[in-house]
C-alpha atoms as a PDB file:
ATOM      1  CA  MET A   1      78.404 141.842  49.358  1.00  0.00           C
ATOM      2  CA  ARG A   2      78.561 138.255  48.254  1.00  0.00           C
ATOM      3  CA  PRO A   3      81.773 136.290  47.685  1.00  0.00           C
ATOM      4  CA  LEU A   4      80.995 135.700  44.002  1.00  0.00           C
ATOM      5  CA  VAL A   5      84.023 135.170  41.778  1.00  0.00           C
ATOM      6  CA  PHE A   6      82.932 133.826  38.392  1.00  0.00           C
ATOM      7  CA  THR A   7      80.502 136.447  37.159  1.00  0.00           C
ATOM      8  CA  LEU A   8      80.153 138.349  33.913  1.00  0.00           C
ATOM      9  CA  PRO A   9      81.086 141.693  35.555  1.00  0.00           C
ATOM     10  CA  ASN A  10      84.223 140.145  37.088  1.00  0.00           C
ATOM     11  CA  ALA A  11      85.150 138.613  33.733  1.00  0.00           C
ATOM     12  CA  LEU A  12      84.889 142.064  32.130  1.00  0.00           C
ATOM     13  CA  SER A  13      87.125 143.532  34.846  1.00  0.00           C
ATOM     14  CA  ALA A  14      89.671 140.742  34.329  1.00  0.00           C
ATOM     15  CA  LEU A  15      89.567 141.347  30.575  1.00  0.00           C
ATOM     16  CA  ARG A  16      90.174 145.023  31.254  1.00  0.00           C
ATOM     17  CA  LEU A  17      93.234 144.122  33.320  1.00  0.00           C
ATOM     18  CA  LEU A  18      94.635 142.124  30.394  1.00  0.00           C
ATOM     19  CA  GLY A  19      94.438 145.268  28.278  1.00  0.00           C
ATOM     20  CA  VAL A  20      96.930 147.156  30.482  1.00  0.00           C
ATOM     21  CA  PRO A  21     100.127 145.513  29.171  1.00  0.00           C
ATOM     22  CA  LEU A  22      98.657 145.486  25.654  1.00  0.00           C
ATOM     23  CA  PHE A  23      98.105 149.241  25.819  1.00  0.00           C
ATOM     24  CA  LEU A  24     101.656 149.852  27.055  1.00  0.00           C
ATOM     25  CA  TRP A  25     103.132 147.715  24.310  1.00  0.00           C
ATOM     26  CA  LEU A  26     101.022 149.430  21.621  1.00  0.00           C
ATOM     27  CA  VAL A  27     101.870 152.941  22.775  1.00  0.00           C
ATOM     28  CA  LEU A  28     105.603 152.347  23.346  1.00  0.00           C
ATOM     29  CA  VAL A  29     106.867 149.711  20.922  1.00  0.00           C
ATOM     30  CA  PRO A  30     105.142 150.097  17.559  1.00  0.00           C
ATOM     31  CA  GLU A  31     103.617 153.468  18.597  1.00  0.00           C
ATOM     32  CA  ALA A  32     100.352 152.233  17.161  1.00  0.00           C
ATOM     33  CA  ASP A  33      98.291 155.067  18.612  1.00  0.00           C
ATOM     34  CA  ALA A  34      95.048 154.134  16.859  1.00  0.00           C
ATOM     35  CA  TRP A  35      95.161 150.627  18.335  1.00  0.00           C
ATOM     36  CA  ALA A  36      96.177 151.998  21.745  1.00  0.00           C
ATOM     37  CA  LEU A  37      93.181 154.360  21.610  1.00  0.00           C
ATOM     38  CA  LEU A  38      90.944 151.437  20.730  1.00  0.00           C
ATOM     39  CA  VAL A  39      92.201 149.554  23.810  1.00  0.00           C
ATOM     40  CA  LEU A  40      91.456 152.619  25.965  1.00  0.00           C
ATOM     41  CA  VAL A  41      87.966 152.948  24.497  1.00  0.00           C
ATOM     42  CA  ALA A  42      87.326 149.254  25.138  1.00  0.00           C
ATOM     43  CA  SER A  43      88.558 149.742  28.687  1.00  0.00           C
ATOM     44  CA  GLY A  44      86.142 152.611  29.213  1.00  0.00           C
ATOM     45  CA  VAL A  45      83.216 150.642  27.806  1.00  0.00           C
ATOM     46  CA  THR A  46      83.974 147.568  29.923  1.00  0.00           C
ATOM     47  CA  ASP A  47      84.465 149.814  32.986  1.00  0.00           C
ATOM     48  CA  PHE A  48      80.932 151.112  32.531  1.00  0.00           C
ATOM     49  CA  LEU A  49      79.498 147.688  31.662  1.00  0.00           C
ATOM     50  CA  ASP A  50      80.973 145.767  34.582  1.00  0.00           C
ATOM     51  CA  GLY A  51      79.359 148.094  37.136  1.00  0.00           C
ATOM     52  CA  TRP A  52      76.086 148.338  35.250  1.00  0.00           C
ATOM     53  CA  LEU A  53      75.856 144.555  34.785  1.00  0.00           C
ATOM     54  CA  ALA A  54      76.793 143.887  38.406  1.00  0.00           C
ATOM     55  CA  ARG A  55      73.852 146.000  39.558  1.00  0.00           C
ATOM     56  CA  ARG A  56      71.477 144.832  36.831  1.00  0.00           C
ATOM     57  CA  LEU A  57      72.227 141.108  37.285  1.00  0.00           C
ATOM     58  CA  ASP A  58      72.565 141.390  41.079  1.00  0.00           C
ATOM     59  CA  GLN A  59      76.158 140.140  40.813  1.00  0.00           C
ATOM     60  CA  GLN A  60      77.890 142.720  42.983  1.00  0.00           C
ATOM     61  CA  SER A  61      80.747 140.998  44.754  1.00  0.00           C
ATOM     62  CA  VAL A  62      83.760 141.525  46.966  1.00  0.00           C
ATOM     63  CA  VAL A  63      85.985 140.420  44.065  1.00  0.00           C
ATOM     64  CA  GLY A  64      84.372 142.996  41.794  1.00  0.00           C
ATOM     65  CA  GLN A  65      84.853 145.724  44.399  1.00  0.00           C
ATOM     66  CA  ILE A  66      88.574 144.955  44.313  1.00  0.00           C
ATOM     67  CA  LEU A  67      89.053 144.266  40.585  1.00  0.00           C
ATOM     68  CA  ASP A  68      87.320 147.392  39.310  1.00  0.00           C
ATOM     69  CA  PRO A  69      89.363 150.036  41.162  1.00  0.00           C
ATOM     70  CA  VAL A  70      92.578 148.032  40.639  1.00  0.00           C
ATOM     71  CA  ALA A  71      91.923 148.003  36.890  1.00  0.00           C
ATOM     72  CA  ASP A  72      91.195 151.754  36.955  1.00  0.00           C
ATOM     73  CA  ARG A  73      94.419 152.523  38.849  1.00  0.00           C
ATOM     74  CA  LEU A  74      96.548 150.265  36.638  1.00  0.00           C
ATOM     75  CA  TYR A  75      95.136 151.875  33.489  1.00  0.00           C
ATOM     76  CA  ILE A  76      95.818 155.339  34.823  1.00  0.00           C
ATOM     77  CA  LEU A  77      99.357 154.328  35.806  1.00  0.00           C
ATOM     78  CA  ALA A  78     100.034 152.633  32.465  1.00  0.00           C
ATOM     79  CA  VAL A  79      98.681 155.565  30.504  1.00  0.00           C
ATOM     80  CA  VAL A  80     100.602 158.227  32.398  1.00  0.00           C
ATOM     81  CA  VAL A  81     103.851 156.253  32.209  1.00  0.00           C
ATOM     82  CA  GLY A  82     103.353 155.492  28.514  1.00  0.00           C
ATOM     83  CA  LEU A  83     102.451 159.063  27.635  1.00  0.00           C
ATOM     84  CA  ALA A  84     105.279 160.496  29.728  1.00  0.00           C
ATOM     85  CA  LEU A  85     107.808 158.182  28.069  1.00  0.00           C
ATOM     86  CA  ARG A  86     106.473 159.395  24.710  1.00  0.00           C
ATOM     87  CA  ASP A  87     106.729 163.050  25.891  1.00  0.00           C
ATOM     88  CA  VAL A  88     102.990 163.565  25.364  1.00  0.00           C
ATOM     89  CA  ILE A  89     102.544 164.680  28.997  1.00  0.00           C
ATOM     90  CA  PRO A  90     105.059 166.185  31.410  1.00  0.00           C
ATOM     91  CA  TRP A  91     106.539 164.042  34.146  1.00  0.00           C
ATOM     92  CA  TRP A  92     104.879 166.082  36.923  1.00  0.00           C
ATOM     93  CA  VAL A  93     101.542 164.681  35.704  1.00  0.00           C
ATOM     94  CA  ALA A  94     102.931 161.149  35.581  1.00  0.00           C
ATOM     95  CA  ILE A  95     104.248 161.460  39.145  1.00  0.00           C
ATOM     96  CA  SER A  96     101.326 163.326  40.756  1.00  0.00           C
ATOM     97  CA  LEU A  97      98.750 160.591  40.152  1.00  0.00           C
ATOM     98  CA  PRO A  98     100.655 157.593  41.565  1.00  0.00           C
ATOM     99  CA  LEU A  99     101.759 159.831  44.448  1.00  0.00           C
ATOM    100  CA  ARG A 100      98.118 160.292  45.428  1.00  0.00           C
ATOM    101  CA  ASP A 101      97.591 156.525  45.210  1.00  0.00           C
ATOM    102  CA  LEU A 102     100.564 156.011  47.546  1.00  0.00           C
ATOM    103  CA  LEU A 103      98.836 158.313  50.030  1.00  0.00           C
ATOM    104  CA  MET A 104      95.716 156.155  49.795  1.00  0.00           C
ATOM    105  CA  TRP A 105      97.668 152.920  50.270  1.00  0.00           C
ATOM    106  CA  GLY A 106      99.358 154.478  53.290  1.00  0.00           C
ATOM    107  CA  LEU A 107      95.939 154.936  54.904  1.00  0.00           C
ATOM    108  CA  VAL A 108      94.997 151.247  54.662  1.00  0.00           C
ATOM    109  CA  PRO A 109      97.014 150.119  57.751  1.00  0.00           C
ATOM    110  CA  LEU A 110      95.293 152.868  59.759  1.00  0.00           C
ATOM    111  CA  LEU A 111      91.887 151.672  58.569  1.00  0.00           C
ATOM    112  CA  ARG A 112      92.738 148.098  59.524  1.00  0.00           C
ATOM    113  CA  THR A 113      93.321 149.155  63.131  1.00  0.00           C
ATOM    114  CA  ARG A 114      89.586 149.922  63.202  1.00  0.00           C
ATOM    115  CA  GLY A 115      88.477 146.797  61.349  1.00  0.00           C
ATOM    116  CA  TYR A 116      88.118 148.298  57.869  1.00  0.00           C
ATOM    117  CA  SER A 117      90.035 147.387  54.735  1.00  0.00           C
ATOM    118  CA  ALA A 118      88.871 150.342  52.643  1.00  0.00           C
ATOM    119  CA  LEU A 119      86.409 153.201  52.560  1.00  0.00           C
ATOM    120  CA  PRO A 120      83.524 153.174  50.106  1.00  0.00           C
ATOM    121  CA  VAL A 121      84.231 154.967  46.853  1.00  0.00           C
ATOM    122  CA  HIS A 122      82.425 158.287  46.696  1.00  0.00           C
ATOM    123  CA  PHE A 123      81.196 160.300  43.754  1.00  0.00           C
ATOM    124  CA  LEU A 124      84.162 162.679  43.743  1.00  0.00           C
ATOM    125  CA  GLY A 125      86.610 159.798  43.284  1.00  0.00           C
ATOM    126  CA  LYS A 126      84.495 158.373  40.474  1.00  0.00           C
ATOM    127  CA  ALA A 127      84.276 161.788  38.797  1.00  0.00           C
ATOM    128  CA  ALA A 128      88.051 162.194  39.023  1.00  0.00           C
ATOM    129  CA  THR A 129      88.661 158.786  37.475  1.00  0.00           C
ATOM    130  CA  ALA A 130      86.128 159.491  34.710  1.00  0.00           C
ATOM    131  CA  ASN A 131      87.847 162.793  33.884  1.00  0.00           C
ATOM    132  CA  LEU A 132      91.232 161.093  33.706  1.00  0.00           C
ATOM    133  CA  LEU A 133      89.890 158.243  31.590  1.00  0.00           C
ATOM    134  CA  TYR A 134      88.576 160.862  29.129  1.00  0.00           C
ATOM    135  CA  ALA A 135      91.724 162.982  29.299  1.00  0.00           C
ATOM    136  CA  PHE A 136      94.392 160.478  28.364  1.00  0.00           C
ATOM    137  CA  PRO A 137      92.892 159.118  25.143  1.00  0.00           C
ATOM    138  CA  LEU A 138      92.307 162.715  24.052  1.00  0.00           C
ATOM    139  CA  LEU A 139      95.904 163.659  24.887  1.00  0.00           C
ATOM    140  CA  LEU A 140      97.155 160.667  22.920  1.00  0.00           C
ATOM    141  CA  LEU A 141      94.943 161.690  20.001  1.00  0.00           C
ATOM    142  CA  GLY A 142      96.225 165.255  20.414  1.00  0.00           C
ATOM    143  CA  ASP A 143      99.790 164.078  19.821  1.00  0.00           C
ATOM    144  CA  GLY A 144      99.465 164.640  16.102  1.00  0.00           C
ATOM    145  CA  GLU A 145      98.864 167.248  13.446  1.00  0.00           C
ATOM    146  CA  GLY A 146      95.701 168.928  12.232  1.00  0.00           C
ATOM    147  CA  THR A 147      92.483 170.322  13.595  1.00  0.00           C
ATOM    148  CA  VAL A 148      91.290 167.112  15.265  1.00  0.00           C
ATOM    149  CA  ALA A 149      94.616 166.719  17.084  1.00  0.00           C
ATOM    150  CA  SER A 150      94.558 170.363  18.204  1.00  0.00           C
ATOM    151  CA  LEU A 151      90.998 170.070  19.543  1.00  0.00           C
ATOM    152  CA  ALA A 152      91.764 166.745  21.216  1.00  0.00           C
ATOM    153  CA  ASP A 153      94.796 168.306  22.904  1.00  0.00           C
ATOM    154  CA  VAL A 154      92.759 171.242  24.282  1.00  0.00           C
ATOM    155  CA  PHE A 155      89.924 169.067  25.553  1.00  0.00           C
ATOM    156  CA  GLY A 156      92.373 166.450  26.813  1.00  0.00           C
ATOM    157  CA  TRP A 157      94.197 169.004  28.943  1.00  0.00           C
ATOM    158  CA  ALA A 158      90.890 170.395  30.234  1.00  0.00           C
ATOM    159  CA  PHE A 159      89.843 166.911  31.389  1.00  0.00           C
ATOM    160  CA  ALA A 160      93.346 166.200  32.729  1.00  0.00           C
ATOM    161  CA  ILE A 161      93.531 169.337  34.855  1.00  0.00           C
ATOM    162  CA  TRP A 162      90.049 168.778  36.265  1.00  0.00           C
ATOM    163  CA  GLY A 163      90.796 165.090  36.766  1.00  0.00           C
ATOM    164  CA  ILE A 164      94.077 165.689  38.612  1.00  0.00           C
ATOM    165  CA  GLY A 165      92.436 168.320  40.819  1.00  0.00           C
ATOM    166  CA  LEU A 166      89.463 166.094  41.608  1.00  0.00           C
ATOM    167  CA  TYR A 167      91.744 163.074  42.125  1.00  0.00           C
ATOM    168  CA  TRP A 168      93.724 164.920  44.780  1.00  0.00           C
ATOM    169  CA  TRP A 169      90.621 166.488  46.310  1.00  0.00           C
ATOM    170  CA  ALA A 170      89.081 163.014  46.631  1.00  0.00           C
ATOM    171  CA  GLY A 171      92.332 161.829  48.236  1.00  0.00           C
ATOM    172  CA  VAL A 172      92.204 164.625  50.795  1.00  0.00           C
ATOM    173  CA  LEU A 173      88.557 163.783  51.567  1.00  0.00           C
ATOM    174  CA  TYR A 174      89.457 160.098  52.025  1.00  0.00           C
ATOM    175  CA  ALA A 175      92.282 161.106  54.383  1.00  0.00           C
ATOM    176  CA  TRP A 176      89.828 163.303  56.326  1.00  0.00           C
ATOM    177  CA  GLN A 177      87.375 160.394  56.555  1.00  0.00           C
ATOM    178  CA  VAL A 178      90.136 158.148  57.903  1.00  0.00           C
ATOM    179  CA  ARG A 179      91.079 160.802  60.462  1.00  0.00           C
ATOM    180  CA  LYS A 180      87.439 161.044  61.610  1.00  0.00           C
ATOM    181  CA  LEU A 181      87.135 157.260  61.725  1.00  0.00           C
ATOM    182  CA  LEU A 182      90.278 156.986  63.850  1.00  0.00           C
ATOM    183  CA  ALA A 183      88.923 159.613  66.237  1.00  0.00           C
ATOM    184  CA  THR A 184      85.441 158.086  66.605  1.00  0.00           C
ATOM    185  CA  THR A 185      86.034 154.330  66.390  1.00  0.00           C
ATOM    186  CA  GLU A 186      87.733 152.136  68.949  1.00  0.00           C
ATOM    187  CA  ARG A 187      90.872 150.264  68.004  1.00  0.00           C
ATOM    188  CA  ARG A 188      90.245 146.592  67.289  1.00  0.00           C
ATOM    189  CA  PRO A 189      92.441 144.159  69.141  1.00  0.00           C
ATOM    190  CA  ALA A 190      95.144 142.503  67.041  1.00  0.00           C
ATOM    191  CA  ARG A 191      94.385 138.920  66.070  1.00  0.00           C
ATOM    192  CA  ASP A 192      96.799 136.215  67.154  1.00  0.00           C
ATOM    193  CA  GLY A 193      98.452 133.928  64.725  1.00  0.00           C
END
């Protein structure tokens, strides 16, 4: 990984981060659901594009490896909080996802004792995030009347249930990987000063 900062993929990730407070404002203050959905769609498109462009343009970077998952997590957090405050989803959903992220953050100090800052993202984690990024716009769209809203609600909950299950399963696998790493890798000496 190169220490590139100013790249097109990183700019797209930064733009995606700017959409987080915009989404929250749109969904909570004016309850402009159509605009909030548009922000989520734009987030999904830029999420795909930043990774694709990074590989295509050979601009994969340490900054991009940090920005992309941070943007994903902040979007998921913003969406679940916004939708829970609007009573679109129950609070157990809004709490279960950040709870899993707390578990992951709790593993970082253990990884650092072995010289790692994070584990590579695996397919299961990406699949979970993709399911959740499909689920929440559909659930927001399903918070209405008519056939489209009813279908969106059904499909949204299908993606949400799969996404939550996969999200936690990925978390358990990451925890297992950390456990194996701790058992098979020597502790690195602490650095002074």
